């Protein structure tokens, strides 16, 4: 075999080797793309609880200091019994069950940080955070909560607006009092304060004693559309002349 033919065969072998190497690298990259992605909890780990907490802008954290103070964020409520809230924090298959004991001094806050939530607003499935002292005599993790924040409850949207409807009932004729106004088939409870202006159709002063059931009444004030309440600034009876 002459040298020219020998170099020719060696070149063919080199090209075949490069083709095989390229195919192996491509297959490796494809298999790498099919692997579960790693995160801070380990390869392929999926934590639905953490995703739920993040979905309402919370984190999933547990801190207990050496003097027994606990701060828990992103716990999922599993039930409410009396003044106690049952909740869990979960990482993968590891779960901590909590009993959150509340009292009259416990502060309840909305997702945005404003107060106004009560234990009656908290329901199973809500994401909460809480802080307080761990009870040393309880058989499980029990926290005497000073603050409970419900990340799943947002502060009701209150808007200044005007509503008009039919007077359904009147609790009293002297402020502070309230009445029920039917607006488009929906009953609104209208609160009338000491400073609320009571007016006739011609905008002159009036008295609630002059109001009659089924009168057309127009109110202006802070309206909570979800609770169907109005904190009235102006009450005007358009049937009263």
C-alpha atoms as a PDB file:
ATOM      1  CA  UNK A   1       0.000   0.000   0.000  1.00  0.00           C
ATOM      2  CA  UNK A   2       1.463   3.328  -1.089  1.00  0.00           C
ATOM      3  CA  UNK A   3       1.643   6.345   1.211  1.00  0.00           C
ATOM      4  CA  UNK A   4      -1.034   8.314  -0.661  1.00  0.00           C
ATOM      5  CA  UNK A   5      -3.633   5.564  -0.122  1.00  0.00           C
ATOM      6  CA  UNK A   6      -2.651   5.227   3.550  1.00  0.00           C
ATOM      7  CA  UNK A   7      -3.218   8.953   4.193  1.00  0.00           C
ATOM      8  CA  UNK A   8      -6.585   8.741   2.414  1.00  0.00           C
ATOM      9  CA  UNK A   9      -7.845   5.886   4.680  1.00  0.00           C
ATOM     10  CA  UNK A  10      -6.616   7.645   7.813  1.00  0.00           C
ATOM     11  CA  UNK A  11      -8.560  10.779   6.838  1.00  0.00           C
ATOM     12  CA  UNK A  12     -11.775   8.793   6.403  1.00  0.00           C
ATOM     13  CA  UNK A  13     -11.314   7.247   9.855  1.00  0.00           C
ATOM     14  CA  UNK A  14     -10.719  10.657  11.453  1.00  0.00           C
ATOM     15  CA  UNK A  15     -13.897  12.114   9.915  1.00  0.00           C
ATOM     16  CA  UNK A  16     -15.937   9.115  11.075  1.00  0.00           C
ATOM     17  CA  UNK A  17     -14.630   9.581  14.598  1.00  0.00           C
ATOM     18  CA  UNK A  18     -15.622  13.268  14.599  1.00  0.00           C
ATOM     19  CA  UNK A  19     -19.158  12.379  13.404  1.00  0.00           C
ATOM     20  CA  UNK A  20     -19.568   9.798  16.191  1.00  0.00           C
ATOM     21  CA  UNK A  21     -18.297  12.276  18.812  1.00  0.00           C
ATOM     22  CA  UNK A  22     -20.728  15.005  17.623  1.00  0.00           C
ATOM     23  CA  UNK A  23     -23.663  12.578  17.812  1.00  0.00           C
ATOM     24  CA  UNK A  24     -22.690  11.523  21.340  1.00  0.00           C
ATOM     25  CA  UNK A  25     -22.489  15.143  22.525  1.00  0.00           C
ATOM     26  CA  UNK A  26     -25.881  15.984  20.969  1.00  0.00           C
ATOM     27  CA  UNK A  27     -27.491  12.985  22.692  1.00  0.00           C
ATOM     28  CA  UNK A  28     -25.947  14.024  26.021  1.00  0.00           C
ATOM     29  CA  UNK A  29     -27.325  17.549  25.668  1.00  0.00           C
ATOM     30  CA  UNK A  30     -30.796  16.179  24.854  1.00  0.00           C
ATOM     31  CA  UNK A  31     -30.752  13.887  27.896  1.00  0.00           C
ATOM     32  CA  UNK A  32     -29.549  16.771  30.079  1.00  0.00           C
ATOM     33  CA  UNK A  33     -32.532  18.855  28.949  1.00  0.00           C
ATOM     34  CA  UNK A  34     -34.937  16.079  29.992  1.00  0.00           C
ATOM     35  CA  UNK A  35     -33.615  15.918  33.565  1.00  0.00           C
ATOM     36  CA  UNK A  36     -35.694  17.507  36.378  1.00  0.00           C
ATOM     37  CA  UNK A  37     -34.397  20.971  37.118  1.00  0.00           C
ATOM     38  CA  UNK A  38     -32.575  21.474  40.347  1.00  0.00           C
ATOM     39  CA  UNK A  39     -33.576  24.098  42.880  1.00  0.00           C
ATOM     40  CA  UNK A  40     -32.339  25.028  46.321  1.00  0.00           C
ATOM     41  CA  UNK A  41     -34.078  21.974  47.820  1.00  0.00           C
ATOM     42  CA  UNK A  42     -32.289  19.438  45.621  1.00  0.00           C
ATOM     43  CA  UNK A  43     -32.561  17.817  42.202  1.00  0.00           C
ATOM     44  CA  UNK A  44     -36.105  17.384  40.948  1.00  0.00           C
ATOM     45  CA  UNK A  45     -37.654  18.644  44.183  1.00  0.00           C
ATOM     46  CA  UNK A  46     -41.207  19.989  43.862  1.00  0.00           C
ATOM     47  CA  UNK A  47     -42.822  21.890  46.753  1.00  0.00           C
ATOM     48  CA  UNK A  48     -46.414  22.845  45.970  1.00  0.00           C
ATOM     49  CA  UNK A  49     -46.799  24.402  49.432  1.00  0.00           C
ATOM     50  CA  UNK A  50     -43.963  26.835  48.753  1.00  0.00           C
ATOM     51  CA  UNK A  51     -45.530  27.738  45.396  1.00  0.00           C
ATOM     52  CA  UNK A  52     -48.888  28.404  47.088  1.00  0.00           C
ATOM     53  CA  UNK A  53     -47.243  30.678  49.655  1.00  0.00           C
ATOM     54  CA  UNK A  54     -45.317  32.555  46.985  1.00  0.00           C
ATOM     55  CA  UNK A  55     -48.554  32.933  45.011  1.00  0.00           C
ATOM     56  CA  UNK A  56     -49.947  35.283  47.692  1.00  0.00           C
ATOM     57  CA  UNK A  57     -46.627  37.127  48.119  1.00  0.00           C
ATOM     58  CA  UNK A  58     -45.597  35.205  51.239  1.00  0.00           C
ATOM     59  CA  UNK A  59     -42.527  33.089  51.894  1.00  0.00           C
ATOM     60  CA  UNK A  60     -42.310  29.692  53.581  1.00  0.00           C
ATOM     61  CA  UNK A  61     -40.231  30.061  56.745  1.00  0.00           C
ATOM     62  CA  UNK A  62     -40.040  28.760  60.325  1.00  0.00           C
ATOM     63  CA  UNK A  63     -37.928  30.459  63.008  1.00  0.00           C
ATOM     64  CA  UNK A  64     -37.876  29.460  66.679  1.00  0.00           C
ATOM     65  CA  UNK A  65     -35.437  31.244  68.962  1.00  0.00           C
ATOM     66  CA  UNK A  66     -33.759  29.683  71.989  1.00  0.00           C
ATOM     67  CA  UNK A  67     -36.105  31.615  74.302  1.00  0.00           C
ATOM     68  CA  UNK A  68     -39.170  30.076  72.643  1.00  0.00           C
ATOM     69  CA  UNK A  69     -40.286  32.875  70.334  1.00  0.00           C
ATOM     70  CA  UNK A  70     -41.675  31.617  67.037  1.00  0.00           C
ATOM     71  CA  UNK A  71     -42.095  33.312  63.670  1.00  0.00           C
ATOM     72  CA  UNK A  72     -43.816  31.224  61.012  1.00  0.00           C
ATOM     73  CA  UNK A  73     -44.564  32.447  57.501  1.00  0.00           C
ATOM     74  CA  UNK A  74     -46.546  30.766  54.744  1.00  0.00           C
ATOM     75  CA  UNK A  75     -48.422  28.172  56.845  1.00  0.00           C
ATOM     76  CA  UNK A  76     -51.531  26.620  55.307  1.00  0.00           C
ATOM     77  CA  UNK A  77     -54.687  26.627  57.447  1.00  0.00           C
ATOM     78  CA  UNK A  78     -56.243  23.182  57.873  1.00  0.00           C
ATOM     79  CA  UNK A  79     -59.068  24.181  60.219  1.00  0.00           C
ATOM     80  CA  UNK A  80     -60.398  26.620  62.802  1.00  0.00           C
ATOM     81  CA  UNK A  81     -61.884  25.600  66.139  1.00  0.00           C
ATOM     82  CA  UNK A  82     -63.013  28.281  68.565  1.00  0.00           C
ATOM     83  CA  UNK A  83     -60.032  30.535  69.179  1.00  0.00           C
ATOM     84  CA  UNK A  84     -57.514  28.052  67.737  1.00  0.00           C
ATOM     85  CA  UNK A  85     -56.230  27.878  64.174  1.00  0.00           C
ATOM     86  CA  UNK A  86     -54.743  24.619  62.922  1.00  0.00           C
ATOM     87  CA  UNK A  87     -52.066  25.024  60.241  1.00  0.00           C
ATOM     88  CA  UNK A  88     -49.191  23.176  58.585  1.00  0.00           C
ATOM     89  CA  UNK A  89     -45.842  23.996  57.041  1.00  0.00           C
ATOM     90  CA  UNK A  90     -44.603  21.462  54.498  1.00  0.00           C
ATOM     91  CA  UNK A  91     -41.309  20.826  52.707  1.00  0.00           C
ATOM     92  CA  UNK A  92     -41.601  17.836  50.405  1.00  0.00           C
ATOM     93  CA  UNK A  93     -42.854  14.976  52.581  1.00  0.00           C
ATOM     94  CA  UNK A  94     -41.911  16.667  55.881  1.00  0.00           C
ATOM     95  CA  UNK A  95     -44.814  18.400  57.646  1.00  0.00           C
ATOM     96  CA  UNK A  96     -45.025  20.401  60.879  1.00  0.00           C
ATOM     97  CA  UNK A  97     -48.493  20.692  62.406  1.00  0.00           C
ATOM     98  CA  UNK A  98     -49.225  23.894  64.303  1.00  0.00           C
ATOM     99  CA  UNK A  99     -51.912  24.974  66.727  1.00  0.00           C
ATOM    100  CA  UNK A 100     -52.132  28.755  66.706  1.00  0.00           C
ATOM    101  CA  UNK A 101     -53.877  29.879  69.883  1.00  0.00           C
ATOM    102  CA  UNK A 102     -55.441  33.334  69.673  1.00  0.00           C
ATOM    103  CA  UNK A 103     -56.865  35.633  72.343  1.00  0.00           C
ATOM    104  CA  UNK A 104     -58.609  38.996  72.551  1.00  0.00           C
ATOM    105  CA  UNK A 105     -55.178  40.647  72.473  1.00  0.00           C
ATOM    106  CA  UNK A 106     -54.131  38.896  69.216  1.00  0.00           C
ATOM    107  CA  UNK A 107     -53.818  41.305  66.316  1.00  0.00           C
ATOM    108  CA  UNK A 108     -55.277  40.118  63.003  1.00  0.00           C
ATOM    109  CA  UNK A 109     -54.174  41.839  59.806  1.00  0.00           C
ATOM    110  CA  UNK A 110     -54.946  41.710  56.097  1.00  0.00           C
ATOM    111  CA  UNK A 111     -52.521  40.744  53.358  1.00  0.00           C
ATOM    112  CA  UNK A 112     -51.729  44.432  52.875  1.00  0.00           C
ATOM    113  CA  UNK A 113     -50.972  44.908  56.574  1.00  0.00           C
ATOM    114  CA  UNK A 114     -54.123  46.739  57.641  1.00  0.00           C
ATOM    115  CA  UNK A 115     -56.031  45.533  60.674  1.00  0.00           C
ATOM    116  CA  UNK A 116     -59.647  44.463  60.495  1.00  0.00           C
ATOM    117  CA  UNK A 117     -59.506  40.700  59.984  1.00  0.00           C
ATOM    118  CA  UNK A 118     -60.946  38.493  62.715  1.00  0.00           C
ATOM    119  CA  UNK A 119     -60.638  34.780  63.285  1.00  0.00           C
ATOM    120  CA  UNK A 120     -64.056  34.356  61.631  1.00  0.00           C
ATOM    121  CA  UNK A 121     -62.506  35.537  58.335  1.00  0.00           C
ATOM    122  CA  UNK A 122     -59.879  32.772  58.354  1.00  0.00           C
ATOM    123  CA  UNK A 123     -60.781  29.534  56.578  1.00  0.00           C
ATOM    124  CA  UNK A 124     -59.184  26.247  55.553  1.00  0.00           C
ATOM    125  CA  UNK A 125     -56.726  26.646  52.703  1.00  0.00           C
ATOM    126  CA  UNK A 126     -55.711  30.207  53.604  1.00  0.00           C
ATOM    127  CA  UNK A 127     -52.007  31.027  53.796  1.00  0.00           C
ATOM    128  CA  UNK A 128     -51.117  32.709  57.094  1.00  0.00           C
ATOM    129  CA  UNK A 129     -48.117  33.975  59.022  1.00  0.00           C
ATOM    130  CA  UNK A 130     -48.015  34.207  62.813  1.00  0.00           C
ATOM    131  CA  UNK A 131     -45.693  35.034  65.663  1.00  0.00           C
ATOM    132  CA  UNK A 132     -45.736  34.484  69.408  1.00  0.00           C
ATOM    133  CA  UNK A 133     -44.420  32.300  72.196  1.00  0.00           C
ATOM    134  CA  UNK A 134     -44.242  28.529  71.844  1.00  0.00           C
ATOM    135  CA  UNK A 135     -46.198  26.846  74.631  1.00  0.00           C
ATOM    136  CA  UNK A 136     -43.748  24.582  76.530  1.00  0.00           C
ATOM    137  CA  UNK A 137     -46.492  22.387  78.000  1.00  0.00           C
ATOM    138  CA  UNK A 138     -48.336  21.545  74.782  1.00  0.00           C
ATOM    139  CA  UNK A 139     -47.912  18.047  73.292  1.00  0.00           C
ATOM    140  CA  UNK A 140     -47.378  19.480  69.785  1.00  0.00           C
ATOM    141  CA  UNK A 141     -46.221  22.787  68.337  1.00  0.00           C
ATOM    142  CA  UNK A 142     -48.563  25.357  69.876  1.00  0.00           C
ATOM    143  CA  UNK A 143     -47.962  29.085  69.553  1.00  0.00           C
ATOM    144  CA  UNK A 144     -49.733  31.698  71.659  1.00  0.00           C
ATOM    145  CA  UNK A 145     -50.025  34.186  68.836  1.00  0.00           C
ATOM    146  CA  UNK A 146     -49.614  37.921  69.254  1.00  0.00           C
ATOM    147  CA  UNK A 147     -50.056  38.583  65.506  1.00  0.00           C
ATOM    148  CA  UNK A 148     -51.796  36.562  62.774  1.00  0.00           C
ATOM    149  CA  UNK A 149     -51.606  37.724  59.166  1.00  0.00           C
ATOM    150  CA  UNK A 150     -53.901  36.156  56.570  1.00  0.00           C
ATOM    151  CA  UNK A 151     -52.213  36.441  53.175  1.00  0.00           C
ATOM    152  CA  UNK A 152     -55.329  35.105  51.439  1.00  0.00           C
ATOM    153  CA  UNK A 153     -57.603  37.921  52.675  1.00  0.00           C
ATOM    154  CA  UNK A 154     -57.281  41.327  51.063  1.00  0.00           C
ATOM    155  CA  UNK A 155     -58.753  44.503  52.473  1.00  0.00           C
ATOM    156  CA  UNK A 156     -62.192  45.141  50.990  1.00  0.00           C
ATOM    157  CA  UNK A 157     -62.212  47.783  48.296  1.00  0.00           C
ATOM    158  CA  UNK A 158     -64.087  50.837  49.527  1.00  0.00           C
ATOM    159  CA  UNK A 159     -64.997  53.590  47.082  1.00  0.00           C
ATOM    160  CA  UNK A 160     -66.661  56.964  47.390  1.00  0.00           C
ATOM    161  CA  UNK A 161     -69.749  56.802  45.204  1.00  0.00           C
ATOM    162  CA  UNK A 162     -73.477  57.518  44.913  1.00  0.00           C
ATOM    163  CA  UNK A 163     -76.195  54.876  45.117  1.00  0.00           C
ATOM    164  CA  UNK A 164     -79.919  55.268  44.581  1.00  0.00           C
ATOM    165  CA  UNK A 165     -82.647  52.820  45.526  1.00  0.00           C
ATOM    166  CA  UNK A 166     -85.811  52.183  47.505  1.00  0.00           C
ATOM    167  CA  UNK A 167     -85.943  52.479  51.288  1.00  0.00           C
ATOM    168  CA  UNK A 168     -86.627  48.987  52.627  1.00  0.00           C
ATOM    169  CA  UNK A 169     -86.393  49.547  56.377  1.00  0.00           C
ATOM    170  CA  UNK A 170     -85.303  52.198  58.870  1.00  0.00           C
ATOM    171  CA  UNK A 171     -83.735  51.243  62.200  1.00  0.00           C
ATOM    172  CA  UNK A 172     -84.373  54.624  63.846  1.00  0.00           C
ATOM    173  CA  UNK A 173     -84.999  58.290  63.126  1.00  0.00           C
ATOM    174  CA  UNK A 174     -82.204  59.733  65.267  1.00  0.00           C
ATOM    175  CA  UNK A 175     -78.532  59.484  64.287  1.00  0.00           C
ATOM    176  CA  UNK A 176     -76.478  57.444  64.731  1.00  0.00           C
ATOM    177  CA  UNK A 177     -78.696  54.857  63.077  1.00  0.00           C
ATOM    178  CA  UNK A 178     -78.982  52.879  59.862  1.00  0.00           C
ATOM    179  CA  UNK A 179     -81.401  51.886  57.149  1.00  0.00           C
ATOM    180  CA  UNK A 180     -81.601  49.295  54.380  1.00  0.00           C
ATOM    181  CA  UNK A 181     -81.628  50.522  50.802  1.00  0.00           C
ATOM    182  CA  UNK A 182     -82.491  48.161  47.933  1.00  0.00           C
ATOM    183  CA  UNK A 183     -80.381  48.996  44.876  1.00  0.00           C
ATOM    184  CA  UNK A 184     -80.991  46.917  41.761  1.00  0.00           C
ATOM    185  CA  UNK A 185     -82.157  43.922  43.792  1.00  0.00           C
ATOM    186  CA  UNK A 186     -79.289  44.134  46.297  1.00  0.00           C
ATOM    187  CA  UNK A 187     -79.785  45.314  49.889  1.00  0.00           C
ATOM    188  CA  UNK A 188     -77.226  47.783  51.254  1.00  0.00           C
ATOM    189  CA  UNK A 189     -76.997  48.676  54.940  1.00  0.00           C
ATOM    190  CA  UNK A 190     -76.493  52.431  55.138  1.00  0.00           C
ATOM    191  CA  UNK A 191     -74.925  53.838  58.298  1.00  0.00           C
ATOM    192  CA  UNK A 192     -76.065  57.352  59.229  1.00  0.00           C
ATOM    193  CA  UNK A 193     -73.748  59.234  61.572  1.00  0.00           C
ATOM    194  CA  UNK A 194     -74.112  62.406  63.599  1.00  0.00           C
ATOM    195  CA  UNK A 195     -72.500  64.417  60.803  1.00  0.00           C
ATOM    196  CA  UNK A 196     -74.437  62.841  57.905  1.00  0.00           C
ATOM    197  CA  UNK A 197     -76.429  65.434  55.913  1.00  0.00           C
ATOM    198  CA  UNK A 198     -80.132  64.503  55.613  1.00  0.00           C
ATOM    199  CA  UNK A 199     -81.748  66.354  52.714  1.00  0.00           C
ATOM    200  CA  UNK A 200     -85.002  66.732  50.763  1.00  0.00           C
ATOM    201  CA  UNK A 201     -85.220  66.580  46.974  1.00  0.00           C
ATOM    202  CA  UNK A 202     -84.590  70.353  46.807  1.00  0.00           C
ATOM    203  CA  UNK A 203     -81.437  69.956  48.949  1.00  0.00           C
ATOM    204  CA  UNK A 204     -83.004  71.610  51.989  1.00  0.00           C
ATOM    205  CA  UNK A 205     -82.502  69.951  55.414  1.00  0.00           C
ATOM    206  CA  UNK A 206     -84.815  67.048  56.259  1.00  0.00           C
ATOM    207  CA  UNK A 207     -85.409  64.572  59.072  1.00  0.00           C
ATOM    208  CA  UNK A 208     -85.322  60.806  58.942  1.00  0.00           C
ATOM    209  CA  UNK A 209     -88.716  60.934  60.687  1.00  0.00           C
ATOM    210  CA  UNK A 210     -90.134  62.171  57.370  1.00  0.00           C
ATOM    211  CA  UNK A 211     -88.853  59.150  55.443  1.00  0.00           C
ATOM    212  CA  UNK A 212     -91.333  56.460  54.412  1.00  0.00           C
ATOM    213  CA  UNK A 213     -90.829  52.880  53.245  1.00  0.00           C
ATOM    214  CA  UNK A 214     -90.396  52.657  49.435  1.00  0.00           C
ATOM    215  CA  UNK A 215     -89.211  56.270  49.178  1.00  0.00           C
ATOM    216  CA  UNK A 216     -86.539  56.791  46.548  1.00  0.00           C
ATOM    217  CA  UNK A 217     -83.348  57.639  48.430  1.00  0.00           C
ATOM    218  CA  UNK A 218     -79.970  58.663  47.073  1.00  0.00           C
ATOM    219  CA  UNK A 219     -76.896  58.234  49.258  1.00  0.00           C
ATOM    220  CA  UNK A 220     -73.289  59.319  48.843  1.00  0.00           C
ATOM    221  CA  UNK A 221     -70.452  57.876  50.912  1.00  0.00           C
ATOM    222  CA  UNK A 222     -67.900  55.082  51.304  1.00  0.00           C
ATOM    223  CA  UNK A 223     -69.331  51.965  49.659  1.00  0.00           C
ATOM    224  CA  UNK A 224     -68.022  48.462  50.375  1.00  0.00           C
ATOM    225  CA  UNK A 225     -69.383  46.546  47.399  1.00  0.00           C
ATOM    226  CA  UNK A 226     -68.419  43.140  48.789  1.00  0.00           C
ATOM    227  CA  UNK A 227     -70.058  43.642  52.199  1.00  0.00           C
ATOM    228  CA  UNK A 228     -72.901  45.763  50.752  1.00  0.00           C
ATOM    229  CA  UNK A 229     -72.463  48.550  53.286  1.00  0.00           C
ATOM    230  CA  UNK A 230     -72.390  52.324  52.967  1.00  0.00           C
ATOM    231  CA  UNK A 231     -70.915  54.823  55.410  1.00  0.00           C
ATOM    232  CA  UNK A 232     -73.096  57.756  54.303  1.00  0.00           C
ATOM    233  CA  UNK A 233     -71.940  61.347  54.050  1.00  0.00           C
ATOM    234  CA  UNK A 234     -75.143  62.575  52.369  1.00  0.00           C
ATOM    235  CA  UNK A 235     -78.640  61.049  52.394  1.00  0.00           C
ATOM    236  CA  UNK A 236     -81.165  62.664  50.059  1.00  0.00           C
ATOM    237  CA  UNK A 237     -84.826  61.619  49.800  1.00  0.00           C
ATOM    238  CA  UNK A 238     -85.815  62.542  46.229  1.00  0.00           C
ATOM    239  CA  UNK A 239     -89.498  61.829  47.015  1.00  0.00           C
ATOM    240  CA  UNK A 240     -89.521  64.332  49.846  1.00  0.00           C
ATOM    241  CA  UNK A 241     -90.411  67.909  48.817  1.00  0.00           C
END
